[in-house]
Amino acid sequence: MANPRWRHRPEGSNWGDFGPDDQNGRLNLITPENVRQGLAEAREGLVFCLSLPLDYPGGNLLNERRHPPVLRP
């Protein structure tokens, strides 16, 4: 199912596997059954945030190509 546009994909890459207009990538592999299995693992009903602040870790010291978003009103 690989898109012929990708002649030299990195090993393990799924570039093009879900069509040329795909925006979800590997999220396409999450099925309703996977979601049900995940829900079955819940024991206490606790919730917590997995996201990081938009400016964390701030700056681009470790990666000069990284630029934190600029928040504007």
PDB file of N, CA and C in Angstrom:
ATOM      1  N   MET A   1       0.815  -1.183   0.000  1.00  0.00           N
ATOM      2  CA  MET A   1       0.000   0.000   0.000  1.00  0.00           C
ATOM      3  C   MET A   1       0.866   1.256   0.000  1.00  0.00           C
ATOM      4  N   ALA A   2       2.140   1.117  -0.059  1.00  0.00           N
ATOM      5  CA  ALA A   2       3.055   2.268  -0.019  1.00  0.00           C
ATOM      6  C   ALA A   2       2.854   3.168  -1.230  1.00  0.00           C
ATOM      7  N   ASN A   3       2.951   4.434  -0.990  1.00  0.00           N
ATOM      8  CA  ASN A   3       2.826   5.420  -2.053  1.00  0.00           C
ATOM      9  C   ASN A   3       4.107   5.393  -2.885  1.00  0.00           C
ATOM     10  N   PRO A   4       4.027   5.235  -4.214  1.00  0.00           N
ATOM     11  CA  PRO A   4       5.233   5.155  -5.036  1.00  0.00           C
ATOM     12  C   PRO A   4       6.053   6.442  -5.010  1.00  0.00           C
ATOM     13  N   ARG A   5       5.468   7.527  -4.521  1.00  0.00           N
ATOM     14  CA  ARG A   5       6.194   8.790  -4.435  1.00  0.00           C
ATOM     15  C   ARG A   5       7.408   8.669  -3.504  1.00  0.00           C
ATOM     16  N   TRP A   6       7.333   7.788  -2.522  1.00  0.00           N
ATOM     17  CA  TRP A   6       8.431   7.638  -1.561  1.00  0.00           C
ATOM     18  C   TRP A   6       9.338   6.499  -1.999  1.00  0.00           C
ATOM     19  N   ARG A   7      10.403   6.819  -2.678  1.00  0.00           N
ATOM     20  CA  ARG A   7      11.321   5.778  -3.150  1.00  0.00           C
ATOM     21  C   ARG A   7      12.278   5.330  -2.056  1.00  0.00           C
ATOM     22  N   HIS A   8      12.703   6.253  -1.218  1.00  0.00           N
ATOM     23  CA  HIS A   8      13.680   5.933  -0.172  1.00  0.00           C
ATOM     24  C   HIS A   8      13.137   6.390   1.175  1.00  0.00           C
ATOM     25  N   ARG A   9      12.255   5.600   1.731  1.00  0.00           N
ATOM     26  CA  ARG A   9      11.694   5.936   3.034  1.00  0.00           C
ATOM     27  C   ARG A   9      12.618   5.428   4.128  1.00  0.00           C
ATOM     28  N   PRO A  10      12.693   6.156   5.244  1.00  0.00           N
ATOM     29  CA  PRO A  10      13.477   5.648   6.373  1.00  0.00           C
ATOM     30  C   PRO A  10      12.891   4.319   6.851  1.00  0.00           C
ATOM     31  N   GLU A  11      13.741   3.443   7.356  1.00  0.00           N
ATOM     32  CA  GLU A  11      13.287   2.153   7.852  1.00  0.00           C
ATOM     33  C   GLU A  11      12.240   2.356   8.940  1.00  0.00           C
ATOM     34  N   GLY A  12      11.152   1.619   8.861  1.00  0.00           N
ATOM     35  CA  GLY A  12      10.076   1.733   9.833  1.00  0.00           C
ATOM     36  C   GLY A  12       9.112   2.876   9.562  1.00  0.00           C
ATOM     37  N   SER A  13       9.366   3.639   8.521  1.00  0.00           N
ATOM     38  CA  SER A  13       8.520   4.783   8.193  1.00  0.00           C
ATOM     39  C   SER A  13       7.198   4.318   7.597  1.00  0.00           C
ATOM     40  N   ASN A  14       6.150   5.089   7.838  1.00  0.00           N
ATOM     41  CA  ASN A  14       4.869   4.796   7.205  1.00  0.00           C
ATOM     42  C   ASN A  14       4.463   5.925   6.267  1.00  0.00           C
ATOM     43  N   TRP A  15       5.407   6.722   5.814  1.00  0.00           N
ATOM     44  CA  TRP A  15       5.115   7.821   4.904  1.00  0.00           C
ATOM     45  C   TRP A  15       4.397   7.298   3.675  1.00  0.00           C
ATOM     46  N   GLY A  16       3.236   7.812   3.418  1.00  0.00           N
ATOM     47  CA  GLY A  16       2.486   7.437   2.228  1.00  0.00           C
ATOM     48  C   GLY A  16       1.637   6.192   2.366  1.00  0.00           C
ATOM     49  N   ASP A  17       1.743   5.468   3.448  1.00  0.00           N
ATOM     50  CA  ASP A  17       0.981   4.228   3.593  1.00  0.00           C
ATOM     51  C   ASP A  17      -0.522   4.452   3.655  1.00  0.00           C
ATOM     52  N   PHE A  18      -0.948   5.626   4.065  1.00  0.00           N
ATOM     53  CA  PHE A  18      -2.372   5.890   4.230  1.00  0.00           C
ATOM     54  C   PHE A  18      -2.899   6.848   3.171  1.00  0.00           C
ATOM     55  N   GLY A  19      -2.195   6.967   2.069  1.00  0.00           N
ATOM     56  CA  GLY A  19      -2.637   7.814   0.967  1.00  0.00           C
ATOM     57  C   GLY A  19      -1.948   9.165   0.966  1.00  0.00           C
ATOM     58  N   PRO A  20      -1.940   9.832  -0.179  1.00  0.00           N
ATOM     59  CA  PRO A  20      -1.199  11.081  -0.322  1.00  0.00           C
ATOM     60  C   PRO A  20      -1.789  12.252   0.459  1.00  0.00           C
ATOM     61  N   ASP A  21      -3.077  12.187   0.809  1.00  0.00           N
ATOM     62  CA  ASP A  21      -3.717  13.304   1.510  1.00  0.00           C
ATOM     63  C   ASP A  21      -3.920  13.039   2.994  1.00  0.00           C
ATOM     64  N   ASP A  22      -3.359  11.960   3.505  1.00  0.00           N
ATOM     65  CA  ASP A  22      -3.575  11.591   4.901  1.00  0.00           C
ATOM     66  C   ASP A  22      -2.971  12.612   5.851  1.00  0.00           C
ATOM     67  N   GLN A  23      -3.687  12.926   6.916  1.00  0.00           N
ATOM     68  CA  GLN A  23      -3.207  13.842   7.946  1.00  0.00           C
ATOM     69  C   GLN A  23      -3.063  13.155   9.299  1.00  0.00           C
ATOM     70  N   ASN A  24      -3.485  11.899   9.416  1.00  0.00           N
ATOM     71  CA  ASN A  24      -3.498  11.215  10.704  1.00  0.00           C
ATOM     72  C   ASN A  24      -2.314  10.290  10.943  1.00  0.00           C
ATOM     73  N   GLY A  25      -1.676   9.809   9.898  1.00  0.00           N
ATOM     74  CA  GLY A  25      -0.531   8.909  10.079  1.00  0.00           C
ATOM     75  C   GLY A  25      -0.910   7.660  10.851  1.00  0.00           C
ATOM     76  N   ARG A  26      -0.101   7.316  11.852  1.00  0.00           N
ATOM     77  CA  ARG A  26      -0.316   6.086  12.621  1.00  0.00           C
ATOM     78  C   ARG A  26      -1.619   6.099  13.408  1.00  0.00           C
ATOM     79  N   LEU A  27      -2.221   7.269  13.611  1.00  0.00           N
ATOM     80  CA  LEU A  27      -3.513   7.317  14.302  1.00  0.00           C
ATOM     81  C   LEU A  27      -4.581   6.552  13.532  1.00  0.00           C
ATOM     82  N   ASN A  28      -4.358   6.331  12.233  1.00  0.00           N
ATOM     83  CA  ASN A  28      -5.285   5.527  11.442  1.00  0.00           C
ATOM     84  C   ASN A  28      -5.385   4.103  11.973  1.00  0.00           C
ATOM     85  N   LEU A  29      -4.394   3.648  12.705  1.00  0.00           N
ATOM     86  CA  LEU A  29      -4.377   2.275  13.205  1.00  0.00           C
ATOM     87  C   LEU A  29      -5.172   2.104  14.496  1.00  0.00           C
ATOM     88  N   ILE A  30      -5.632   3.201  15.101  1.00  0.00           N
ATOM     89  CA  ILE A  30      -6.421   3.109  16.328  1.00  0.00           C
ATOM     90  C   ILE A  30      -7.870   2.839  15.936  1.00  0.00           C
ATOM     91  N   THR A  31      -8.320   1.650  16.271  1.00  0.00           N
ATOM     92  CA  THR A  31      -9.671   1.222  15.914  1.00  0.00           C
ATOM     93  C   THR A  31     -10.603   1.363  17.118  1.00  0.00           C
ATOM     94  N   PRO A  32     -11.911   1.307  16.904  1.00  0.00           N
ATOM     95  CA  PRO A  32     -12.833   1.312  18.046  1.00  0.00           C
ATOM     96  C   PRO A  32     -12.527   0.179  19.030  1.00  0.00           C
ATOM     97  N   GLU A  33     -12.111  -0.959  18.525  1.00  0.00           N
ATOM     98  CA  GLU A  33     -11.754  -2.076  19.412  1.00  0.00           C
ATOM     99  C   GLU A  33     -10.544  -1.717  20.276  1.00  0.00           C
ATOM    100  N   ASN A  34      -9.541  -1.044  19.702  1.00  0.00           N
ATOM    101  CA  ASN A  34      -8.392  -0.595  20.495  1.00  0.00           C
ATOM    102  C   ASN A  34      -8.829   0.343  21.604  1.00  0.00           C
ATOM    103  N   VAL A  35      -9.755   1.237  21.295  1.00  0.00           N
ATOM    104  CA  VAL A  35     -10.253   2.189  22.296  1.00  0.00           C
ATOM    105  C   VAL A  35     -10.965   1.438  23.414  1.00  0.00           C
ATOM    106  N   ARG A  36     -11.806   0.469  23.069  1.00  0.00           N
ATOM    107  CA  ARG A  36     -12.504  -0.332  24.088  1.00  0.00           C
ATOM    108  C   ARG A  36     -11.511  -1.071  24.977  1.00  0.00           C
ATOM    109  N   GLN A  37     -10.463  -1.624  24.383  1.00  0.00           N
ATOM    110  CA  GLN A  37      -9.450  -2.324  25.176  1.00  0.00           C
ATOM    111  C   GLN A  37      -8.746  -1.366  26.128  1.00  0.00           C
ATOM    112  N   GLY A  38      -8.463  -0.161  25.654  1.00  0.00           N
ATOM    113  CA  GLY A  38      -7.832   0.832  26.513  1.00  0.00           C
ATOM    114  C   GLY A  38      -8.732   1.238  27.667  1.00  0.00           C
ATOM    115  N   LEU A  39     -10.012   1.436  27.381  1.00  0.00           N
ATOM    116  CA  LEU A  39     -10.959   1.794  28.436  1.00  0.00           C
ATOM    117  C   LEU A  39     -11.079   0.689  29.477  1.00  0.00           C
ATOM    118  N   ALA A  40     -10.968  -0.550  29.044  1.00  0.00           N
ATOM    119  CA  ALA A  40     -11.068  -1.674  29.971  1.00  0.00           C
ATOM    120  C   ALA A  40      -9.912  -1.698  30.962  1.00  0.00           C
ATOM    121  N   GLU A  41      -8.816  -1.026  30.655  1.00  0.00           N
ATOM    122  CA  GLU A  41      -7.657  -0.989  31.549  1.00  0.00           C
ATOM    123  C   GLU A  41      -7.833  -0.005  32.705  1.00  0.00           C
ATOM    124  N   ALA A  42      -8.777   0.916  32.598  1.00  0.00           N
ATOM    125  CA  ALA A  42      -8.979   1.923  33.656  1.00  0.00           C
ATOM    126  C   ALA A  42      -9.449   1.242  34.932  1.00  0.00           C
ATOM    127  N   ARG A  43      -8.863   1.650  36.068  1.00  0.00           N
ATOM    128  CA  ARG A  43      -9.214   1.063  37.362  1.00  0.00           C
ATOM    129  C   ARG A  43      -9.738   2.100  38.352  1.00  0.00           C
ATOM    130  N   GLU A  44      -9.186   3.317  38.344  1.00  0.00           N
ATOM    131  CA  GLU A  44      -9.544   4.301  39.360  1.00  0.00           C
ATOM    132  C   GLU A  44     -10.284   5.511  38.814  1.00  0.00           C
ATOM    133  N   GLY A  45     -10.330   5.714  37.533  1.00  0.00           N
ATOM    134  CA  GLY A  45     -11.028   6.852  36.962  1.00  0.00           C
ATOM    135  C   GLY A  45     -10.299   8.169  37.124  1.00  0.00           C
ATOM    136  N   LEU A  46      -9.004   8.132  37.414  1.00  0.00           N
ATOM    137  CA  LEU A  46      -8.221   9.352  37.561  1.00  0.00           C
ATOM    138  C   LEU A  46      -7.867   9.906  36.191  1.00  0.00           C
ATOM    139  N   VAL A  47      -7.816  11.222  36.085  1.00  0.00           N
ATOM    140  CA  VAL A  47      -7.410  11.864  34.842  1.00  0.00           C
ATOM    141  C   VAL A  47      -6.233  12.784  35.116  1.00  0.00           C
ATOM    142  N   PHE A  48      -5.375  12.955  34.134  1.00  0.00           N
ATOM    143  CA  PHE A  48      -4.258  13.881  34.258  1.00  0.00           C
ATOM    144  C   PHE A  48      -3.862  14.344  32.874  1.00  0.00           C
ATOM    145  N   CYS A  49      -3.274  15.531  32.827  1.00  0.00           N
ATOM    146  CA  CYS A  49      -2.902  16.149  31.565  1.00  0.00           C
ATOM    147  C   CYS A  49      -1.551  15.611  31.087  1.00  0.00           C
ATOM    148  N   LEU A  50      -1.466  15.226  29.838  1.00  0.00           N
ATOM    149  CA  LEU A  50      -0.216  14.730  29.265  1.00  0.00           C
ATOM    150  C   LEU A  50       0.510  15.780  28.443  1.00  0.00           C
ATOM    151  N   SER A  51      -0.097  16.933  28.271  1.00  0.00           N
ATOM    152  CA  SER A  51       0.518  17.956  27.427  1.00  0.00           C
ATOM    153  C   SER A  51       1.536  18.776  28.207  1.00  0.00           C
ATOM    154  N   LEU A  52       2.479  19.348  27.492  1.00  0.00           N
ATOM    155  CA  LEU A  52       3.477  20.236  28.078  1.00  0.00           C
ATOM    156  C   LEU A  52       3.083  21.673  27.784  1.00  0.00           C
ATOM    157  N   PRO A  53       3.529  22.601  28.620  1.00  0.00           N
ATOM    158  CA  PRO A  53       3.288  24.005  28.286  1.00  0.00           C
ATOM    159  C   PRO A  53       3.887  24.314  26.909  1.00  0.00           C
ATOM    160  N   LEU A  54       3.264  25.226  26.182  1.00  0.00           N
ATOM    161  CA  LEU A  54       3.718  25.526  24.826  1.00  0.00           C
ATOM    162  C   LEU A  54       5.140  26.053  24.775  1.00  0.00           C
ATOM    163  N   ASP A  55       5.626  26.637  25.864  1.00  0.00           N
ATOM    164  CA  ASP A  55       6.983  27.186  25.860  1.00  0.00           C
ATOM    165  C   ASP A  55       7.980  26.280  26.584  1.00  0.00           C
ATOM    166  N   TYR A  56       7.631  25.009  26.839  1.00  0.00           N
ATOM    167  CA  TYR A  56       8.527  24.107  27.566  1.00  0.00           C
ATOM    168  C   TYR A  56       9.082  23.056  26.628  1.00  0.00           C
ATOM    169  N   PRO A  57      10.319  22.656  26.684  1.00  0.00           N
ATOM    170  CA  PRO A  57      11.384  23.443  27.309  1.00  0.00           C
ATOM    171  C   PRO A  57      11.728  24.606  26.388  1.00  0.00           C
ATOM    172  N   GLY A  58      11.653  25.776  26.881  1.00  0.00           N
ATOM    173  CA  GLY A  58      11.791  26.991  26.093  1.00  0.00           C
ATOM    174  C   GLY A  58      13.116  27.091  25.352  1.00  0.00           C
ATOM    175  N   GLY A  59      13.125  27.926  24.374  1.00  0.00           N
ATOM    176  CA  GLY A  59      14.349  28.169  23.617  1.00  0.00           C
ATOM    177  C   GLY A  59      14.675  27.079  22.628  1.00  0.00           C
ATOM    178  N   ASN A  60      15.828  27.237  22.009  1.00  0.00           N
ATOM    179  CA  ASN A  60      16.253  26.247  21.024  1.00  0.00           C
ATOM    180  C   ASN A  60      17.709  25.857  21.249  1.00  0.00           C
ATOM    181  N   LEU A  61      18.133  25.820  22.503  1.00  0.00           N
ATOM    182  CA  LEU A  61      19.513  25.480  22.835  1.00  0.00           C
ATOM    183  C   LEU A  61      19.899  24.087  22.327  1.00  0.00           C
ATOM    184  N   LEU A  62      19.011  23.119  22.494  1.00  0.00           N
ATOM    185  CA  LEU A  62      19.327  21.748  22.091  1.00  0.00           C
ATOM    186  C   LEU A  62      19.031  21.469  20.621  1.00  0.00           C
ATOM    187  N   ASN A  63      18.176  22.277  20.026  1.00  0.00           N
ATOM    188  CA  ASN A  63      17.805  22.087  18.625  1.00  0.00           C
ATOM    189  C   ASN A  63      17.595  23.457  18.004  1.00  0.00           C
ATOM    190  N   GLU A  64      18.532  23.904  17.220  1.00  0.00           N
ATOM    191  CA  GLU A  64      18.462  25.256  16.665  1.00  0.00           C
ATOM    192  C   GLU A  64      17.296  25.450  15.704  1.00  0.00           C
ATOM    193  N   ARG A  65      16.711  24.346  15.220  1.00  0.00           N
ATOM    194  CA  ARG A  65      15.565  24.465  14.314  1.00  0.00           C
ATOM    195  C   ARG A  65      14.243  24.606  15.062  1.00  0.00           C
ATOM    196  N   ARG A  66      14.277  24.374  16.383  1.00  0.00           N
ATOM    197  CA  ARG A  66      13.049  24.470  17.176  1.00  0.00           C
ATOM    198  C   ARG A  66      12.818  25.910  17.592  1.00  0.00           C
ATOM    199  N   HIS A  67      11.626  26.392  17.332  1.00  0.00           N
ATOM    200  CA  HIS A  67      11.247  27.737  17.762  1.00  0.00           C
ATOM    201  C   HIS A  67       9.898  27.643  18.460  1.00  0.00           C
ATOM    202  N   PRO A  68       9.861  27.947  19.762  1.00  0.00           N
ATOM    203  CA  PRO A  68       8.587  27.877  20.482  1.00  0.00           C
ATOM    204  C   PRO A  68       7.552  28.786  19.828  1.00  0.00           C
ATOM    205  N   PRO A  69       6.282  28.430  19.947  1.00  0.00           N
ATOM    206  CA  PRO A  69       5.242  29.251  19.335  1.00  0.00           C
ATOM    207  C   PRO A  69       5.171  30.630  19.979  1.00  0.00           C
ATOM    208  N   VAL A  70       4.749  31.595  19.208  1.00  0.00           N
ATOM    209  CA  VAL A  70       4.532  32.949  19.713  1.00  0.00           C
ATOM    210  C   VAL A  70       3.035  33.091  19.941  1.00  0.00           C
ATOM    211  N   LEU A  71       2.651  33.319  21.196  1.00  0.00           N
ATOM    212  CA  LEU A  71       1.237  33.444  21.528  1.00  0.00           C
ATOM    213  C   LEU A  71       0.819  34.899  21.417  1.00  0.00           C
ATOM    214  N   ARG A  72      -0.241  35.126  20.679  1.00  0.00           N
ATOM    215  CA  ARG A  72      -0.753  36.485  20.490  1.00  0.00           C
ATOM    216  C   ARG A  72      -2.240  36.497  20.788  1.00  0.00           C
ATOM    217  N   PRO A  73      -2.757  37.641  21.296  1.00  0.00           N
ATOM    218  CA  PRO A  73      -4.203  37.709  21.587  1.00  0.00           C
ATOM    219  C   PRO A  73      -5.039  37.626  20.320  1.00  0.00           C
TER     220      PRO A  73
END
